[in-house]
Amino acid sequence: MSLQDDLAAVQRCLDNLVQSVERLEKQVGGGSLEIRRVRTDANHLRESLVLLAEAAPTLHPPQSRPDLVGISDDPYNSALWTDSDDEGLGARDRHAP
């Protein structure tokens, strides 16, 4: 799904939420603190979605995956490791203290 499709899906869900809150408000009455808080929260969600939709063009697009690099199963040239230390073991020509 694209970002616009996701935003539209969220908008539809919020519209359903607002309608449900309105029906609930008719059943329990609009004067209670709890229903006012739910209505206010639903309105804040709508406002936040509008802000997100306005900012969507400036959001960073998802990064595409870099091209995969194949690594051969052939053994490495042992000359690459002649002057290296074995991690945790120290140098080959010295003893641990």
PDB file of N, CA and C in Angstrom:
ATOM      1  N   MET A   1       0.836  -1.190   0.000  1.00  0.00           N
ATOM      2  CA  MET A   1       0.000   0.000   0.000  1.00  0.00           C
ATOM      3  C   MET A   1       0.874   1.244   0.000  1.00  0.00           C
ATOM      4  N   SER A   2       0.396   2.233  -0.673  1.00  0.00           N
ATOM      5  CA  SER A   2       1.122   3.491  -0.689  1.00  0.00           C
ATOM      6  C   SER A   2       0.751   4.304   0.543  1.00  0.00           C
ATOM      7  N   LEU A   3       1.506   5.345   0.766  1.00  0.00           N
ATOM      8  CA  LEU A   3       1.245   6.224   1.905  1.00  0.00           C
ATOM      9  C   LEU A   3      -0.138   6.857   1.783  1.00  0.00           C
ATOM     10  N   GLN A   4      -0.513   7.261   0.587  1.00  0.00           N
ATOM     11  CA  GLN A   4      -1.830   7.874   0.385  1.00  0.00           C
ATOM     12  C   GLN A   4      -2.951   6.874   0.665  1.00  0.00           C
ATOM     13  N   ASP A   5      -2.752   5.619   0.272  1.00  0.00           N
ATOM     14  CA  ASP A   5      -3.753   4.589   0.556  1.00  0.00           C
ATOM     15  C   ASP A   5      -3.900   4.382   2.059  1.00  0.00           C
ATOM     16  N   ASP A   6      -2.772   4.363   2.772  1.00  0.00           N
ATOM     17  CA  ASP A   6      -2.816   4.197   4.221  1.00  0.00           C
ATOM     18  C   ASP A   6      -3.504   5.383   4.890  1.00  0.00           C
ATOM     19  N   LEU A   7      -3.203   6.585   4.436  1.00  0.00           N
ATOM     20  CA  LEU A   7      -3.852   7.767   4.998  1.00  0.00           C
ATOM     21  C   LEU A   7      -5.361   7.738   4.757  1.00  0.00           C
ATOM     22  N   ALA A   8      -5.766   7.307   3.564  1.00  0.00           N
ATOM     23  CA  ALA A   8      -7.194   7.220   3.250  1.00  0.00           C
ATOM     24  C   ALA A   8      -7.876   6.165   4.119  1.00  0.00           C
ATOM     25  N   ALA A   9      -7.194   5.047   4.371  1.00  0.00           N
ATOM     26  CA  ALA A   9      -7.762   4.002   5.220  1.00  0.00           C
ATOM     27  C   ALA A   9      -7.932   4.501   6.651  1.00  0.00           C
ATOM     28  N   VAL A  10      -6.950   5.233   7.147  1.00  0.00           N
ATOM     29  CA  VAL A  10      -7.052   5.785   8.492  1.00  0.00           C
ATOM     30  C   VAL A  10      -8.181   6.811   8.549  1.00  0.00           C
ATOM     31  N   GLN A  11      -8.328   7.613   7.501  1.00  0.00           N
ATOM     32  CA  GLN A  11      -9.401   8.605   7.465  1.00  0.00           C
ATOM     33  C   GLN A  11     -10.769   7.929   7.523  1.00  0.00           C
ATOM     34  N   ARG A  12     -10.934   6.833   6.779  1.00  0.00           N
ATOM     35  CA  ARG A  12     -12.205   6.100   6.826  1.00  0.00           C
ATOM     36  C   ARG A  12     -12.468   5.556   8.233  1.00  0.00           C
ATOM     37  N   CYS A  13     -11.438   5.031   8.878  1.00  0.00           N
ATOM     38  CA  CYS A  13     -11.600   4.513  10.243  1.00  0.00           C
ATOM     39  C   CYS A  13     -11.972   5.634  11.208  1.00  0.00           C
ATOM     40  N   LEU A  14     -11.342   6.790  11.048  1.00  0.00           N
ATOM     41  CA  LEU A  14     -11.669   7.916  11.913  1.00  0.00           C
ATOM     42  C   LEU A  14     -13.089   8.412  11.677  1.00  0.00           C
ATOM     43  N   ASP A  15     -13.528   8.414  10.428  1.00  0.00           N
ATOM     44  CA  ASP A  15     -14.912   8.797  10.142  1.00  0.00           C
ATOM     45  C   ASP A  15     -15.879   7.845  10.834  1.00  0.00           C
ATOM     46  N   ASN A  16     -15.584   6.536  10.782  1.00  0.00           N
ATOM     47  CA  ASN A  16     -16.424   5.555  11.470  1.00  0.00           C
ATOM     48  C   ASN A  16     -16.393   5.783  12.977  1.00  0.00           C
ATOM     49  N   LEU A  17     -15.228   6.109  13.507  1.00  0.00           N
ATOM     50  CA  LEU A  17     -15.107   6.371  14.940  1.00  0.00           C
ATOM     51  C   LEU A  17     -15.959   7.567  15.350  1.00  0.00           C
ATOM     52  N   VAL A  18     -15.882   8.646  14.576  1.00  0.00           N
ATOM     53  CA  VAL A  18     -16.644   9.853  14.895  1.00  0.00           C
ATOM     54  C   VAL A  18     -18.141   9.559  14.848  1.00  0.00           C
ATOM     55  N   GLN A  19     -18.578   8.796  13.850  1.00  0.00           N
ATOM     56  CA  GLN A  19     -19.988   8.432  13.770  1.00  0.00           C
ATOM     57  C   GLN A  19     -20.416   7.590  14.968  1.00  0.00           C
ATOM     58  N   SER A  20     -19.562   6.671  15.370  1.00  0.00           N
ATOM     59  CA  SER A  20     -19.871   5.830  16.529  1.00  0.00           C
ATOM     60  C   SER A  20     -19.927   6.657  17.806  1.00  0.00           C
ATOM     61  N   VAL A  21     -19.023   7.611  17.937  1.00  0.00           N
ATOM     62  CA  VAL A  21     -19.027   8.481  19.113  1.00  0.00           C
ATOM     63  C   VAL A  21     -20.299   9.316  19.137  1.00  0.00           C
ATOM     64  N   GLU A  22     -20.735   9.805  17.980  1.00  0.00           N
ATOM     65  CA  GLU A  22     -21.975  10.584  17.919  1.00  0.00           C
ATOM     66  C   GLU A  22     -23.178   9.741  18.337  1.00  0.00           C
ATOM     67  N   ARG A  23     -23.237   8.485  17.868  1.00  0.00           N
ATOM     68  CA  ARG A  23     -24.329   7.605  18.279  1.00  0.00           C
ATOM     69  C   ARG A  23     -24.274   7.326  19.776  1.00  0.00           C
ATOM     70  N   LEU A  24     -23.080   7.092  20.275  1.00  0.00           N
ATOM     71  CA  LEU A  24     -22.909   6.841  21.705  1.00  0.00           C
ATOM     72  C   LEU A  24     -23.301   8.060  22.527  1.00  0.00           C
ATOM     73  N   GLU A  25     -22.943   9.229  22.013  1.00  0.00           N
ATOM     74  CA  GLU A  25     -23.277  10.471  22.708  1.00  0.00           C
ATOM     75  C   GLU A  25     -24.794  10.658  22.807  1.00  0.00           C
ATOM     76  N   LYS A  26     -25.525  10.256  21.769  1.00  0.00           N
ATOM     77  CA  LYS A  26     -26.993  10.352  21.804  1.00  0.00           C
ATOM     78  C   LYS A  26     -27.584   9.391  22.842  1.00  0.00           C
ATOM     79  N   GLN A  27     -26.924   8.245  23.012  1.00  0.00           N
ATOM     80  CA  GLN A  27     -27.440   7.247  23.945  1.00  0.00           C
ATOM     81  C   GLN A  27     -27.167   7.614  25.401  1.00  0.00           C
ATOM     82  N   VAL A  28     -25.969   8.106  25.680  1.00  0.00           N
ATOM     83  CA  VAL A  28     -25.612   8.389  27.081  1.00  0.00           C
ATOM     84  C   VAL A  28     -25.750   9.856  27.432  1.00  0.00           C
ATOM     85  N   GLY A  29     -25.951  10.690  26.450  1.00  0.00           N
ATOM     86  CA  GLY A  29     -26.048  12.119  26.708  1.00  0.00           C
ATOM     87  C   GLY A  29     -24.695  12.778  26.554  1.00  0.00           C
ATOM     88  N   GLY A  30     -24.714  14.015  26.096  1.00  0.00           N
ATOM     89  CA  GLY A  30     -23.465  14.705  25.793  1.00  0.00           C
ATOM     90  C   GLY A  30     -22.890  15.491  26.942  1.00  0.00           C
ATOM     91  N   GLY A  31     -23.521  15.451  28.100  1.00  0.00           N
ATOM     92  CA  GLY A  31     -23.063  16.282  29.198  1.00  0.00           C
ATOM     93  C   GLY A  31     -22.007  15.650  30.083  1.00  0.00           C
ATOM     94  N   SER A  32     -21.783  14.347  29.955  1.00  0.00           N
ATOM     95  CA  SER A  32     -20.837  13.706  30.866  1.00  0.00           C
ATOM     96  C   SER A  32     -19.400  14.003  30.444  1.00  0.00           C
ATOM     97  N   LEU A  33     -18.550  14.022  31.423  1.00  0.00           N
ATOM     98  CA  LEU A  33     -17.130  14.298  31.185  1.00  0.00           C
ATOM     99  C   LEU A  33     -16.511  13.230  30.289  1.00  0.00           C
ATOM    100  N   GLU A  34     -16.877  11.998  30.495  1.00  0.00           N
ATOM    101  CA  GLU A  34     -16.275  10.894  29.749  1.00  0.00           C
ATOM    102  C   GLU A  34     -16.564  10.990  28.256  1.00  0.00           C
ATOM    103  N   ILE A  35     -17.804  11.255  27.890  1.00  0.00           N
ATOM    104  CA  ILE A  35     -18.155  11.334  26.475  1.00  0.00           C
ATOM    105  C   ILE A  35     -17.527  12.567  25.836  1.00  0.00           C
ATOM    106  N   ARG A  36     -17.411  13.653  26.588  1.00  0.00           N
ATOM    107  CA  ARG A  36     -16.734  14.845  26.046  1.00  0.00           C
ATOM    108  C   ARG A  36     -15.268  14.549  25.795  1.00  0.00           C
ATOM    109  N   ARG A  37     -14.650  13.777  26.683  1.00  0.00           N
ATOM    110  CA  ARG A  37     -13.240  13.423  26.481  1.00  0.00           C
ATOM    111  C   ARG A  37     -13.070  12.548  25.249  1.00  0.00           C
ATOM    112  N   VAL A  38     -13.980  11.587  25.064  1.00  0.00           N
ATOM    113  CA  VAL A  38     -13.892  10.708  23.892  1.00  0.00           C
ATOM    114  C   VAL A  38     -14.084  11.518  22.616  1.00  0.00           C
ATOM    115  N   ARG A  39     -15.069  12.434  22.623  1.00  0.00           N
ATOM    116  CA  ARG A  39     -15.301  13.282  21.448  1.00  0.00           C
ATOM    117  C   ARG A  39     -14.077  14.150  21.162  1.00  0.00           C
ATOM    118  N   THR A  40     -13.493  14.732  22.210  1.00  0.00           N
ATOM    119  CA  THR A  40     -12.306  15.576  22.048  1.00  0.00           C
ATOM    120  C   THR A  40     -11.126  14.768  21.512  1.00  0.00           C
ATOM    121  N   ASP A  41     -10.944  13.558  22.037  1.00  0.00           N
ATOM    122  CA  ASP A  41      -9.858  12.708  21.549  1.00  0.00           C
ATOM    123  C   ASP A  41     -10.037  12.340  20.078  1.00  0.00           C
ATOM    124  N   ALA A  42     -11.276  12.043  19.684  1.00  0.00           N
ATOM    125  CA  ALA A  42     -11.540  11.722  18.280  1.00  0.00           C
ATOM    126  C   ALA A  42     -11.252  12.928  17.389  1.00  0.00           C
ATOM    127  N   ASN A  43     -11.617  14.111  17.848  1.00  0.00           N
ATOM    128  CA  ASN A  43     -11.328  15.324  17.073  1.00  0.00           C
ATOM    129  C   ASN A  43      -9.828  15.583  16.992  1.00  0.00           C
ATOM    130  N   HIS A  44      -9.103  15.304  18.072  1.00  0.00           N
ATOM    131  CA  HIS A  44      -7.638  15.475  18.036  1.00  0.00           C
ATOM    132  C   HIS A  44      -7.005  14.511  17.036  1.00  0.00           C
ATOM    133  N   LEU A  45      -7.532  13.295  16.987  1.00  0.00           N
ATOM    134  CA  LEU A  45      -7.021  12.336  16.007  1.00  0.00           C
ATOM    135  C   LEU A  45      -7.250  12.834  14.578  1.00  0.00           C
ATOM    136  N   ARG A  46      -8.411  13.388  14.330  1.00  0.00           N
ATOM    137  CA  ARG A  46      -8.695  13.932  12.989  1.00  0.00           C
ATOM    138  C   ARG A  46      -7.727  15.064  12.647  1.00  0.00           C
ATOM    139  N   GLU A  47      -7.500  15.966  13.601  1.00  0.00           N
ATOM    140  CA  GLU A  47      -6.576  17.074  13.369  1.00  0.00           C
ATOM    141  C   GLU A  47      -5.157  16.568  13.136  1.00  0.00           C
ATOM    142  N   SER A  48      -4.759  15.569  13.902  1.00  0.00           N
ATOM    143  CA  SER A  48      -3.415  15.007  13.738  1.00  0.00           C
ATOM    144  C   SER A  48      -3.255  14.341  12.382  1.00  0.00           C
ATOM    145  N   LEU A  49      -4.299  13.682  11.924  1.00  0.00           N
ATOM    146  CA  LEU A  49      -4.230  13.042  10.611  1.00  0.00           C
ATOM    147  C   LEU A  49      -4.118  14.082   9.507  1.00  0.00           C
ATOM    148  N   VAL A  50      -4.818  15.194   9.641  1.00  0.00           N
ATOM    149  CA  VAL A  50      -4.710  16.275   8.656  1.00  0.00           C
ATOM    150  C   VAL A  50      -3.273  16.798   8.614  1.00  0.00           C
ATOM    151  N   LEU A  51      -2.686  17.002   9.781  1.00  0.00           N
ATOM    152  CA  LEU A  51      -1.299  17.476   9.836  1.00  0.00           C
ATOM    153  C   LEU A  51      -0.344  16.467   9.219  1.00  0.00           C
ATOM    154  N   LEU A  52      -0.577  15.197   9.482  1.00  0.00           N
ATOM    155  CA  LEU A  52       0.270  14.161   8.904  1.00  0.00           C
ATOM    156  C   LEU A  52       0.129  14.124   7.389  1.00  0.00           C
ATOM    157  N   ALA A  53      -1.089  14.252   6.895  1.00  0.00           N
ATOM    158  CA  ALA A  53      -1.312  14.242   5.447  1.00  0.00           C
ATOM    159  C   ALA A  53      -0.640  15.438   4.776  1.00  0.00           C
ATOM    160  N   GLU A  54      -0.647  16.592   5.455  1.00  0.00           N
ATOM    161  CA  GLU A  54       0.023  17.772   4.900  1.00  0.00           C
ATOM    162  C   GLU A  54       1.530  17.590   4.885  1.00  0.00           C
ATOM    163  N   ALA A  55       2.064  16.891   5.874  1.00  0.00           N
ATOM    164  CA  ALA A  55       3.510  16.690   5.960  1.00  0.00           C
ATOM    165  C   ALA A  55       3.978  15.514   5.109  1.00  0.00           C
ATOM    166  N   ALA A  56       3.060  14.694   4.629  1.00  0.00           N
ATOM    167  CA  ALA A  56       3.430  13.474   3.903  1.00  0.00           C
ATOM    168  C   ALA A  56       4.353  13.717   2.718  1.00  0.00           C
ATOM    169  N   PRO A  57       4.145  14.745   1.891  1.00  0.00           N
ATOM    170  CA  PRO A  57       5.065  14.936   0.762  1.00  0.00           C
ATOM    171  C   PRO A  57       6.495  15.245   1.204  1.00  0.00           C
ATOM    172  N   THR A  58       6.658  15.801   2.390  1.00  0.00           N
ATOM    173  CA  THR A  58       8.009  16.148   2.839  1.00  0.00           C
ATOM    174  C   THR A  58       8.670  15.022   3.612  1.00  0.00           C
ATOM    175  N   LEU A  59       7.904  13.964   3.940  1.00  0.00           N
ATOM    176  CA  LEU A  59       8.503  12.837   4.638  1.00  0.00           C
ATOM    177  C   LEU A  59       9.464  12.125   3.695  1.00  0.00           C
ATOM    178  N   HIS A  60      10.459  11.524   4.269  1.00  0.00           N
ATOM    179  CA  HIS A  60      11.442  10.819   3.447  1.00  0.00           C
ATOM    180  C   HIS A  60      10.813   9.566   2.851  1.00  0.00           C
ATOM    181  N   PRO A  61      10.982   9.369   1.549  1.00  0.00           N
ATOM    182  CA  PRO A  61      10.450   8.144   0.953  1.00  0.00           C
ATOM    183  C   PRO A  61      11.235   6.944   1.481  1.00  0.00           C
ATOM    184  N   PRO A  62      10.632   5.776   1.476  1.00  0.00           N
ATOM    185  CA  PRO A  62      11.358   4.605   1.952  1.00  0.00           C
ATOM    186  C   PRO A  62      12.584   4.345   1.081  1.00  0.00           C
ATOM    187  N   GLN A  63      13.656   4.001   1.732  1.00  0.00           N
ATOM    188  CA  GLN A  63      14.900   3.750   1.010  1.00  0.00           C
ATOM    189  C   GLN A  63      14.801   2.417   0.273  1.00  0.00           C
ATOM    190  N   SER A  64      15.282   2.410  -0.953  1.00  0.00           N
ATOM    191  CA  SER A  64      15.293   1.160  -1.689  1.00  0.00           C
ATOM    192  C   SER A  64      16.465   0.310  -1.195  1.00  0.00           C
ATOM    193  N   ARG A  65      16.315  -0.976  -1.311  1.00  0.00           N
ATOM    194  CA  ARG A  65      17.372  -1.862  -0.853  1.00  0.00           C
ATOM    195  C   ARG A  65      18.571  -1.729  -1.775  1.00  0.00           C
ATOM    196  N   PRO A  66      19.770  -1.700  -1.219  1.00  0.00           N
ATOM    197  CA  PRO A  66      20.952  -1.637  -2.084  1.00  0.00           C
ATOM    198  C   PRO A  66      21.110  -2.963  -2.832  1.00  0.00           C
ATOM    199  N   ASP A  67      21.815  -2.887  -3.922  1.00  0.00           N
ATOM    200  CA  ASP A  67      22.068  -4.100  -4.693  1.00  0.00           C
ATOM    201  C   ASP A  67      22.869  -5.079  -3.847  1.00  0.00           C
ATOM    202  N   LEU A  68      22.487  -6.334  -3.954  1.00  0.00           N
ATOM    203  CA  LEU A  68      23.199  -7.362  -3.207  1.00  0.00           C
ATOM    204  C   LEU A  68      24.515  -7.679  -3.894  1.00  0.00           C
ATOM    205  N   VAL A  69      25.522  -7.929  -3.093  1.00  0.00           N
ATOM    206  CA  VAL A  69      26.839  -8.270  -3.616  1.00  0.00           C
ATOM    207  C   VAL A  69      27.098  -9.725  -3.288  1.00  0.00           C
ATOM    208  N   GLY A  70      27.392 -10.480  -4.288  1.00  0.00           N
ATOM    209  CA  GLY A  70      27.666 -11.892  -4.066  1.00  0.00           C
ATOM    210  C   GLY A  70      29.053 -12.087  -3.472  1.00  0.00           C
ATOM    211  N   ILE A  71      29.155 -13.013  -2.549  1.00  0.00           N
ATOM    212  CA  ILE A  71      30.454 -13.333  -1.936  1.00  0.00           C
ATOM    213  C   ILE A  71      30.780 -14.768  -2.298  1.00  0.00           C
ATOM    214  N   SER A  72      31.939 -14.944  -2.857  1.00  0.00           N
ATOM    215  CA  SER A  72      32.355 -16.251  -3.327  1.00  0.00           C
ATOM    216  C   SER A  72      32.639 -17.175  -2.149  1.00  0.00           C
ATOM    217  N   ASP A  73      32.425 -18.472  -2.369  1.00  0.00           N
ATOM    218  CA  ASP A  73      32.742 -19.474  -1.352  1.00  0.00           C
ATOM    219  C   ASP A  73      34.191 -19.929  -1.438  1.00  0.00           C
ATOM    220  N   ASP A  74      34.932 -19.413  -2.408  1.00  0.00           N
ATOM    221  CA  ASP A  74      36.339 -19.783  -2.551  1.00  0.00           C
ATOM    222  C   ASP A  74      37.118 -19.306  -1.326  1.00  0.00           C
ATOM    223  N   PRO A  75      38.109 -20.076  -0.888  1.00  0.00           N
ATOM    224  CA  PRO A  75      38.896 -19.640   0.273  1.00  0.00           C
ATOM    225  C   PRO A  75      39.708 -18.378  -0.062  1.00  0.00           C
ATOM    226  N   TYR A  76      39.915 -17.577   0.970  1.00  0.00           N
ATOM    227  CA  TYR A  76      40.718 -16.375   0.793  1.00  0.00           C
ATOM    228  C   TYR A  76      42.189 -16.743   0.628  1.00  0.00           C
ATOM    229  N   ASN A  77      42.937 -15.845   0.030  1.00  0.00           N
ATOM    230  CA  ASN A  77      44.373 -16.011  -0.123  1.00  0.00           C
ATOM    231  C   ASN A  77      45.003 -15.910   1.267  1.00  0.00           C
ATOM    232  N   SER A  78      45.723 -16.915   1.717  1.00  0.00           N
ATOM    233  CA  SER A  78      46.313 -16.921   3.055  1.00  0.00           C
ATOM    234  C   SER A  78      47.372 -15.840   3.227  1.00  0.00           C
ATOM    235  N   ALA A  79      47.879 -15.280   2.145  1.00  0.00           N
ATOM    236  CA  ALA A  79      48.860 -14.200   2.241  1.00  0.00           C
ATOM    237  C   ALA A  79      48.232 -12.936   2.833  1.00  0.00           C
ATOM    238  N   LEU A  80      46.936 -12.837   2.791  1.00  0.00           N
ATOM    239  CA  LEU A  80      46.263 -11.675   3.379  1.00  0.00           C
ATOM    240  C   LEU A  80      46.430 -11.636   4.892  1.00  0.00           C
ATOM    241  N   TRP A  81      46.685 -12.768   5.524  1.00  0.00           N
ATOM    242  CA  TRP A  81      46.677 -12.857   6.976  1.00  0.00           C
ATOM    243  C   TRP A  81      48.080 -13.053   7.575  1.00  0.00           C
ATOM    244  N   THR A  82      49.138 -12.924   6.796  1.00  0.00           N
ATOM    245  CA  THR A  82      50.483 -13.246   7.299  1.00  0.00           C
ATOM    246  C   THR A  82      50.928 -12.340   8.438  1.00  0.00           C
ATOM    247  N   ASP A  83      50.589 -11.066   8.435  1.00  0.00           N
ATOM    248  CA  ASP A  83      51.068 -10.163   9.484  1.00  0.00           C
ATOM    249  C   ASP A  83      49.959  -9.767  10.458  1.00  0.00           C
ATOM    250  N   SER A  84      48.886 -10.542  10.513  1.00  0.00           N
ATOM    251  CA  SER A  84      47.778 -10.193  11.404  1.00  0.00           C
ATOM    252  C   SER A  84      47.853 -10.996  12.699  1.00  0.00           C
ATOM    253  N   ASP A  85      47.220 -10.471  13.722  1.00  0.00           N
ATOM    254  CA  ASP A  85      47.124 -11.158  15.007  1.00  0.00           C
ATOM    255  C   ASP A  85      45.802 -11.911  15.064  1.00  0.00           C
ATOM    256  N   ASP A  86      45.822 -13.064  15.705  1.00  0.00           N
ATOM    257  CA  ASP A  86      44.577 -13.778  15.945  1.00  0.00           C
ATOM    258  C   ASP A  86      43.887 -13.109  17.116  1.00  0.00           C
ATOM    259  N   GLU A  87      42.654 -12.692  16.892  1.00  0.00           N
ATOM    260  CA  GLU A  87      41.941 -11.970  17.938  1.00  0.00           C
ATOM    261  C   GLU A  87      41.809 -12.844  19.179  1.00  0.00           C
ATOM    262  N   GLY A  88      42.240 -12.296  20.317  1.00  0.00           N
ATOM    263  CA  GLY A  88      42.154 -13.007  21.572  1.00  0.00           C
ATOM    264  C   GLY A  88      43.355 -13.888  21.844  1.00  0.00           C
ATOM    265  N   LEU A  89      44.155 -14.194  20.821  1.00  0.00           N
ATOM    266  CA  LEU A  89      45.314 -15.060  21.003  1.00  0.00           C
ATOM    267  C   LEU A  89      46.618 -14.294  20.959  1.00  0.00           C
ATOM    268  N   GLY A  90      46.609 -13.127  20.392  1.00  0.00           N
ATOM    269  CA  GLY A  90      47.832 -12.331  20.282  1.00  0.00           C
ATOM    270  C   GLY A  90      48.626 -12.695  19.040  1.00  0.00           C
ATOM    271  N   ALA A  91      49.821 -12.180  18.992  1.00  0.00           N
ATOM    272  CA  ALA A  91      50.679 -12.406  17.826  1.00  0.00           C
ATOM    273  C   ALA A  91      51.175 -13.847  17.824  1.00  0.00           C
ATOM    274  N   ARG A  92      51.480 -14.381  16.644  1.00  0.00           N
ATOM    275  CA  ARG A  92      51.902 -15.779  16.502  1.00  0.00           C
ATOM    276  C   ARG A  92      53.296 -16.026  17.079  1.00  0.00           C
ATOM    277  N   ASP A  93      54.133 -14.989  17.037  1.00  0.00           N
ATOM    278  CA  ASP A  93      55.506 -15.206  17.498  1.00  0.00           C
ATOM    279  C   ASP A  93      55.730 -14.815  18.961  1.00  0.00           C
ATOM    280  N   ARG A  94      54.688 -14.485  19.687  1.00  0.00           N
ATOM    281  CA  ARG A  94      54.819 -14.120  21.096  1.00  0.00           C
ATOM    282  C   ARG A  94      53.904 -14.996  21.934  1.00  0.00           C
ATOM    283  N   HIS A  95      54.241 -15.082  23.205  1.00  0.00           N
ATOM    284  CA  HIS A  95      53.440 -15.871  24.134  1.00  0.00           C
ATOM    285  C   HIS A  95      52.605 -14.918  24.995  1.00  0.00           C
ATOM    286  N   ALA A  96      51.496 -15.394  25.470  1.00  0.00           N
ATOM    287  CA  ALA A  96      50.658 -14.599  26.347  1.00  0.00           C
ATOM    288  C   ALA A  96      51.379 -14.397  27.676  1.00  0.00           C
ATOM    289  N   PRO A  97      51.181 -13.276  28.356  1.00  0.00           N
ATOM    290  CA  PRO A  97      51.874 -13.037  29.625  1.00  0.00           C
ATOM    291  C   PRO A  97      51.437 -13.992  30.714  1.00  0.00           C
TER     292      PRO A  97
END
